[in-house]
N, C-alpha and C. Protein backbone atom coordinates (compact mmCIF):
# COMPACT_ATOMS: atom_id res chain seq x y z
N MET A 1 -28.21 28.70 19.91
CA MET A 1 -27.50 29.00 21.57
C MET A 1 -29.30 30.32 21.72
N ARG A 2 -29.79 29.84 21.37
CA ARG A 2 -31.11 31.31 21.23
C ARG A 2 -31.79 31.26 22.46
N ASN A 3 -31.73 30.58 23.53
CA ASN A 3 -32.63 30.64 24.64
C ASN A 3 -32.49 32.01 25.19
N LYS A 4 -33.42 32.48 25.54
CA LYS A 4 -33.76 33.95 26.10
C LYS A 4 -33.69 33.79 27.91
N ASN A 5 -33.66 32.67 27.95
CA ASN A 5 -33.13 32.55 29.51
C ASN A 5 -31.68 32.85 29.99
N LEU A 6 -31.04 32.48 29.34
CA LEU A 6 -29.58 32.39 29.14
C LEU A 6 -29.06 33.83 29.28
N ASN A 7 -28.49 33.94 30.41
CA ASN A 7 -27.41 35.44 30.06
C ASN A 7 -26.30 35.61 29.48
N ASP A 8 -25.96 36.62 28.84
CA ASP A 8 -24.51 36.47 27.82
C ASP A 8 -23.72 35.33 28.52
N ALA A 9 -22.70 35.69 28.95
CA ALA A 9 -21.61 34.90 29.94
C ALA A 9 -21.57 34.11 29.84
N ALA A 10 -23.41 32.92 30.08
CA ALA A 10 -23.73 31.53 30.13
C ALA A 10 -23.59 31.21 28.44
N ARG A 11 -24.17 32.17 27.70
CA ARG A 11 -24.03 31.60 25.89
C ARG A 11 -22.70 31.20 25.46
N LYS A 12 -21.80 32.55 25.74
CA LYS A 12 -20.53 32.25 25.70
C LYS A 12 -19.89 31.46 25.74
N GLN A 13 -20.26 30.37 27.26
CA GLN A 13 -19.60 29.94 27.33
C GLN A 13 -20.38 28.44 27.14
N LEU A 14 -21.18 27.99 26.98
CA LEU A 14 -21.93 27.09 25.62
C LEU A 14 -21.31 27.22 24.59
N GLU A 15 -21.23 28.43 24.30
CA GLU A 15 -20.49 28.37 22.13
C GLU A 15 -19.29 28.00 22.28
N GLN A 16 -18.42 28.22 23.41
CA GLN A 16 -17.06 28.28 23.26
C GLN A 16 -17.19 25.97 23.67
N ILE A 17 -18.00 25.65 24.40
CA ILE A 17 -18.10 24.28 24.61
C ILE A 17 -18.74 23.85 23.43
N VAL A 18 -19.25 24.26 22.61
CA VAL A 18 -19.85 23.75 21.05
C VAL A 18 -18.71 23.46 20.19
N LYS A 19 -17.46 24.93 20.43
CA LYS A 19 -16.57 24.96 19.77
C LYS A 19 -15.62 24.52 19.41
N ALA A 20 -15.16 23.37 20.56
CA ALA A 20 -14.47 22.59 21.28
C ALA A 20 -14.83 21.31 21.01
N ARG A 21 -16.01 20.86 21.22
CA ARG A 21 -16.62 19.60 20.49
C ARG A 21 -15.95 19.70 19.51
N GLN A 22 -16.74 20.22 18.27
CA GLN A 22 -16.29 20.84 16.84
C GLN A 22 -15.30 20.16 16.65
N GLN A 23 -14.24 20.77 17.37
CA GLN A 23 -12.79 20.60 17.30
C GLN A 23 -12.40 19.14 17.79
N LEU A 24 -12.91 18.94 18.68
CA LEU A 24 -12.55 17.46 19.04
C LEU A 24 -13.31 16.34 17.84
N ILE A 25 -14.07 16.45 17.50
CA ILE A 25 -14.71 15.57 16.30
C ILE A 25 -13.90 15.77 15.37
N ALA A 26 -13.46 16.68 14.79
CA ALA A 26 -12.42 16.81 13.72
C ALA A 26 -11.47 16.42 13.89
N THR A 27 -10.78 16.09 15.12
CA THR A 27 -9.22 15.92 15.44
C THR A 27 -9.49 14.17 15.66
N ALA A 28 -10.35 13.88 15.87
CA ALA A 28 -11.17 12.51 15.75
C ALA A 28 -11.04 11.79 14.99
N LYS A 29 -11.88 12.57 14.27
CA LYS A 29 -11.30 12.32 12.03
C LYS A 29 -10.27 12.20 12.15
N GLY A 30 -9.38 12.48 12.17
CA GLY A 30 -7.63 13.33 11.72
C GLY A 30 -7.11 11.89 12.04
N ILE A 31 -7.49 11.57 13.67
CA ILE A 31 -7.08 10.38 13.67
C ILE A 31 -7.31 9.15 13.30
N GLU A 32 -8.49 8.85 13.19
CA GLU A 32 -8.98 7.51 11.84
C GLU A 32 -8.44 7.58 10.92
N THR A 33 -8.19 8.74 10.58
CA THR A 33 -7.58 8.95 9.03
C THR A 33 -5.93 8.11 8.62
N VAL A 34 -5.40 8.73 9.78
CA VAL A 34 -4.27 8.57 10.15
C VAL A 34 -4.06 7.15 10.36
N GLY A 35 -4.90 7.03 11.38
CA GLY A 35 -4.90 5.17 11.46
C GLY A 35 -5.34 4.39 9.92
N ARG A 36 -5.74 4.47 9.10
CA ARG A 36 -6.31 3.52 8.20
C ARG A 36 -4.86 3.72 7.21
N GLN A 37 -4.23 5.55 7.20
CA GLN A 37 -3.44 5.29 6.14
C GLN A 37 -2.42 4.62 6.70
N SER A 38 -1.70 4.65 8.25
CA SER A 38 -0.85 3.77 8.79
C SER A 38 -1.72 1.99 8.11
N ALA A 39 -2.31 2.05 8.44
CA ALA A 39 -2.88 0.37 7.88
C ALA A 39 -2.37 -0.35 6.77
N ASP A 40 -2.74 0.88 5.71
CA ASP A 40 -2.65 0.29 4.58
C ASP A 40 -0.98 0.52 3.82
N LEU A 41 -0.47 1.31 4.47
CA LEU A 41 0.97 1.53 4.24
C LEU A 41 1.50 0.10 5.11
N VAL A 42 0.87 -0.30 6.16
CA VAL A 42 1.65 -1.49 6.57
C VAL A 42 1.84 -3.17 5.60
N GLN A 43 0.17 -2.94 4.94
CA GLN A 43 -0.47 -3.98 4.07
C GLN A 43 0.55 -4.07 3.08
N HIS A 44 0.91 -2.84 2.39
CA HIS A 44 1.42 -2.40 1.23
C HIS A 44 3.12 -2.95 1.33
N GLN A 45 3.63 -2.81 3.07
CA GLN A 45 5.02 -3.20 2.90
C GLN A 45 4.84 -4.79 3.41
N GLU A 46 3.58 -4.94 3.56
CA GLU A 46 3.63 -6.85 3.72
C GLU A 46 3.96 -7.43 2.20
N ARG A 47 3.19 -6.81 1.31
CA ARG A 47 3.29 -7.32 0.14
C ARG A 47 4.46 -7.09 -0.76
N LEU A 48 5.33 -5.72 -0.44
CA LEU A 48 6.16 -5.87 -0.91
C LEU A 48 7.48 -6.88 -0.42
N ARG A 49 7.25 -7.05 1.14
CA ARG A 49 8.18 -7.94 1.41
C ARG A 49 7.92 -9.22 1.02
N GLN A 50 6.67 -9.82 0.42
CA GLN A 50 6.56 -11.07 -0.04
C GLN A 50 6.89 -11.29 -0.99
N ASN A 51 6.70 -9.94 -2.08
CA ASN A 51 7.44 -9.96 -3.45
C ASN A 51 8.98 -9.81 -3.38
N ILE A 52 9.62 -9.36 -2.88
CA ILE A 52 10.87 -9.51 -2.47
C ILE A 52 11.13 -11.07 -2.02
N GLY A 53 10.58 -11.29 -1.18
CA GLY A 53 10.75 -13.13 -0.86
C GLY A 53 10.60 -13.79 -2.15
N SER A 54 9.80 -13.21 -2.89
CA SER A 54 9.51 -14.22 -3.80
C SER A 54 10.59 -14.29 -4.96
N LEU A 55 11.03 -12.82 -5.38
CA LEU A 55 12.06 -12.71 -6.09
C LEU A 55 13.20 -13.06 -6.26
N ASN A 56 13.73 -12.94 -5.03
CA ASN A 56 15.35 -13.40 -4.62
C ASN A 56 15.45 -14.83 -4.85
N GLN A 57 14.44 -15.84 -5.37
CA GLN A 57 14.58 -17.17 -5.85
C GLN A 57 14.83 -17.37 -6.65
N VAL A 58 14.12 -15.94 -7.87
CA VAL A 58 14.55 -15.97 -9.30
C VAL A 58 16.02 -15.22 -9.53
N ASN A 59 16.58 -16.03 -11.02
CA ASN A 59 17.20 -15.37 -11.03
C ASN A 59 17.35 -14.10 -12.06
N GLY A 60 18.00 -13.19 -11.80
CA GLY A 60 17.84 -11.82 -13.11
C GLY A 60 16.39 -10.86 -12.56
N GLN A 61 16.41 -10.81 -11.09
CA GLN A 61 15.09 -9.96 -10.51
C GLN A 61 15.65 -9.27 -9.65
N GLN A 62 17.16 -9.29 -9.47
CA GLN A 62 17.80 -8.01 -9.11
C GLN A 62 17.43 -6.93 -8.55
N GLN A 63 17.41 -5.96 -9.98
CA GLN A 63 16.63 -4.91 -10.43
C GLN A 63 15.17 -4.78 -9.49
N GLN A 64 13.96 -5.53 -10.22
CA GLN A 64 12.88 -5.46 -9.01
C GLN A 64 13.33 -5.39 -7.76
N VAL A 65 13.88 -6.27 -7.14
CA VAL A 65 14.24 -6.40 -5.69
C VAL A 65 14.38 -5.23 -5.27
N GLN A 66 15.51 -4.43 -5.99
CA GLN A 66 16.07 -3.49 -5.37
C GLN A 66 14.90 -2.30 -5.14
N ALA A 67 14.00 -2.25 -6.63
CA ALA A 67 12.89 -1.01 -6.38
C ALA A 67 11.56 -1.69 -5.55
N TYR A 68 11.60 -2.49 -5.09
CA TYR A 68 10.69 -2.82 -3.50
C TYR A 68 11.59 -2.54 -2.22
N ALA A 69 12.39 -2.89 -2.62
CA ALA A 69 13.39 -2.53 -1.70
C ALA A 69 13.37 -1.32 -1.35
N ARG A 70 13.96 0.08 -2.49
CA ARG A 70 13.48 1.93 -2.15
C ARG A 70 11.87 1.98 -1.40
N GLN A 71 10.75 1.19 -2.48
CA GLN A 71 9.31 1.39 -1.60
C GLN A 71 9.90 1.50 -0.71
N LEU A 72 10.27 0.58 -0.24
CA LEU A 72 10.10 -0.25 1.46
C LEU A 72 9.97 0.73 2.23
N GLY A 73 11.68 1.61 1.35
CA GLY A 73 12.14 2.57 2.94
C GLY A 73 11.38 3.92 2.36
N GLU A 74 10.72 4.11 1.38
CA GLU A 74 9.53 5.28 1.14
C GLU A 74 8.54 5.37 2.05
N ASP A 75 7.87 3.92 2.34
CA ASP A 75 6.99 3.72 3.07
C ASP A 75 7.45 4.15 4.61
N ASP A 76 8.68 3.34 4.74
CA ASP A 76 9.08 3.24 6.29
C ASP A 76 8.99 5.06 6.43
N THR A 77 9.40 5.50 5.69
CA THR A 77 9.32 7.45 5.78
C THR A 77 8.07 8.09 5.77
N GLN A 78 6.85 7.42 5.17
CA GLN A 78 5.93 7.87 5.62
C GLN A 78 5.15 7.59 6.81
N LEU A 79 5.30 6.30 7.41
CA LEU A 79 5.31 6.15 8.45
C LEU A 79 5.09 6.87 9.59
N ALA A 80 6.65 6.62 9.38
CA ALA A 80 7.02 7.94 10.76
C ALA A 80 6.98 9.26 10.65
N ALA A 81 6.43 9.89 9.42
CA ALA A 81 5.51 10.95 9.40
C ALA A 81 4.38 10.58 10.08
N LEU A 82 3.44 9.28 9.75
CA LEU A 82 2.36 9.20 10.02
C LEU A 82 2.13 8.93 11.35
N ARG A 83 2.85 8.20 12.45
CA ARG A 83 3.02 8.44 13.37
C ARG A 83 3.42 9.43 14.61
N ASP A 84 4.30 10.12 14.20
CA ASP A 84 4.23 11.78 14.65
C ASP A 84 2.87 12.75 14.36
N ARG A 85 2.56 12.38 13.32
CA ARG A 85 1.13 12.88 13.20
C ARG A 85 0.21 12.16 14.00
N SER A 86 0.14 11.49 14.17
CA SER A 86 -1.01 10.66 15.01
C SER A 86 -0.36 11.16 16.64
N THR A 87 0.41 11.13 17.05
CA THR A 87 1.02 11.68 18.12
C THR A 87 0.84 13.17 18.63
N GLU A 88 0.72 13.62 17.82
CA GLU A 88 0.44 15.26 17.69
C GLU A 88 -0.92 15.02 17.63
N LEU A 89 -2.03 14.36 16.98
CA LEU A 89 -3.56 14.71 17.09
C LEU A 89 -3.95 13.79 18.59
N ASP A 90 -3.47 12.88 18.76
CA ASP A 90 -3.76 12.43 20.49
C ASP A 90 -3.27 13.48 21.73
N LYS A 91 -2.16 14.22 21.27
CA LYS A 91 -2.53 15.19 22.27
C LYS A 91 -3.53 16.18 22.40
N LYS A 92 -3.16 16.42 20.91
CA LYS A 92 -4.27 17.87 20.34
C LYS A 92 -5.70 17.48 21.20
N HIS A 93 -5.94 15.51 20.21
CA HIS A 93 -7.53 15.46 21.36
C HIS A 93 -7.58 15.67 22.61
N ALA A 94 -6.84 15.18 23.34
CA ALA A 94 -6.16 14.72 25.34
C ALA A 94 -6.92 16.22 25.69
N ALA A 95 -5.64 17.85 25.02
CA ALA A 95 -6.12 18.49 25.38
C ALA A 95 -7.25 19.67 25.12
N ILE A 96 -8.33 19.37 23.97
CA ILE A 96 -9.31 19.39 23.64
C ILE A 96 -10.82 19.03 24.69
N GLU A 97 -10.23 18.01 25.15
CA GLU A 97 -11.14 17.35 25.76
C GLU A 97 -10.96 17.77 27.54
N GLY A 98 -10.14 18.01 28.02
CA GLY A 98 -9.44 18.92 28.97
C GLY A 98 -10.15 19.99 28.72
N GLU A 99 -10.33 20.72 27.73
CA GLU A 99 -10.26 21.92 28.08
C GLU A 99 -12.57 22.06 27.91
N ILE A 100 -12.58 20.98 27.47
CA ILE A 100 -14.00 20.92 27.42
C ILE A 100 -14.98 20.39 29.05
N LYS A 101 -13.64 19.37 29.20
CA LYS A 101 -14.36 19.11 30.62
C LYS A 101 -14.38 20.16 31.89
N SER A 102 -12.98 21.34 31.60
CA SER A 102 -13.00 22.31 32.32
C SER A 102 -14.19 23.09 32.17
N ALA A 103 -14.07 23.31 30.88
CA ALA A 103 -15.41 24.98 30.59
C ALA A 103 -16.79 24.23 30.93
N ILE A 104 -16.78 22.92 31.24
CA ILE A 104 -18.53 22.35 31.85
C ILE A 104 -18.42 22.58 32.97
N ALA A 105 -17.27 22.30 33.36
CA ALA A 105 -17.41 22.34 35.10
C ALA A 105 -17.30 23.52 35.49
N ASN A 106 -17.01 24.81 34.72
CA ASN A 106 -16.67 26.02 35.20
C ASN A 106 -17.81 26.98 34.31
N THR A 107 -18.71 26.32 33.80
CA THR A 107 -20.19 26.94 33.53
C THR A 107 -21.03 27.40 34.34
N GLU A 108 -21.39 28.46 34.55
CA GLU A 108 -22.43 29.05 34.90
C GLU A 108 -23.69 29.57 34.54
N PHE A 109 -25.07 29.44 35.27
CA PHE A 109 -26.17 29.84 34.50
C PHE A 109 -26.89 30.32 35.31
């Protein structure tokens, strides 16, 4: 923001827009990360379910089946936390977008 033709108020408004845009980018990256983590957990759960299905047909594998079942439960807990985080990030992202639109609409040069 080095344009000497801008008054201080306009410069501050533009700086706020830039800062909000940076927050928007960071939030979008967070949403992407949470999405990847969720997808990875879902794939892990699918592998565990397949393993459980295979081991249920083999005698003497009950202990391993129980271990996989515990892991499924842990994964479910992590997925719930990721869904909560995703919802939180989506709300934050929408709020920041609204702030940016409002700031742009109210910017005076």
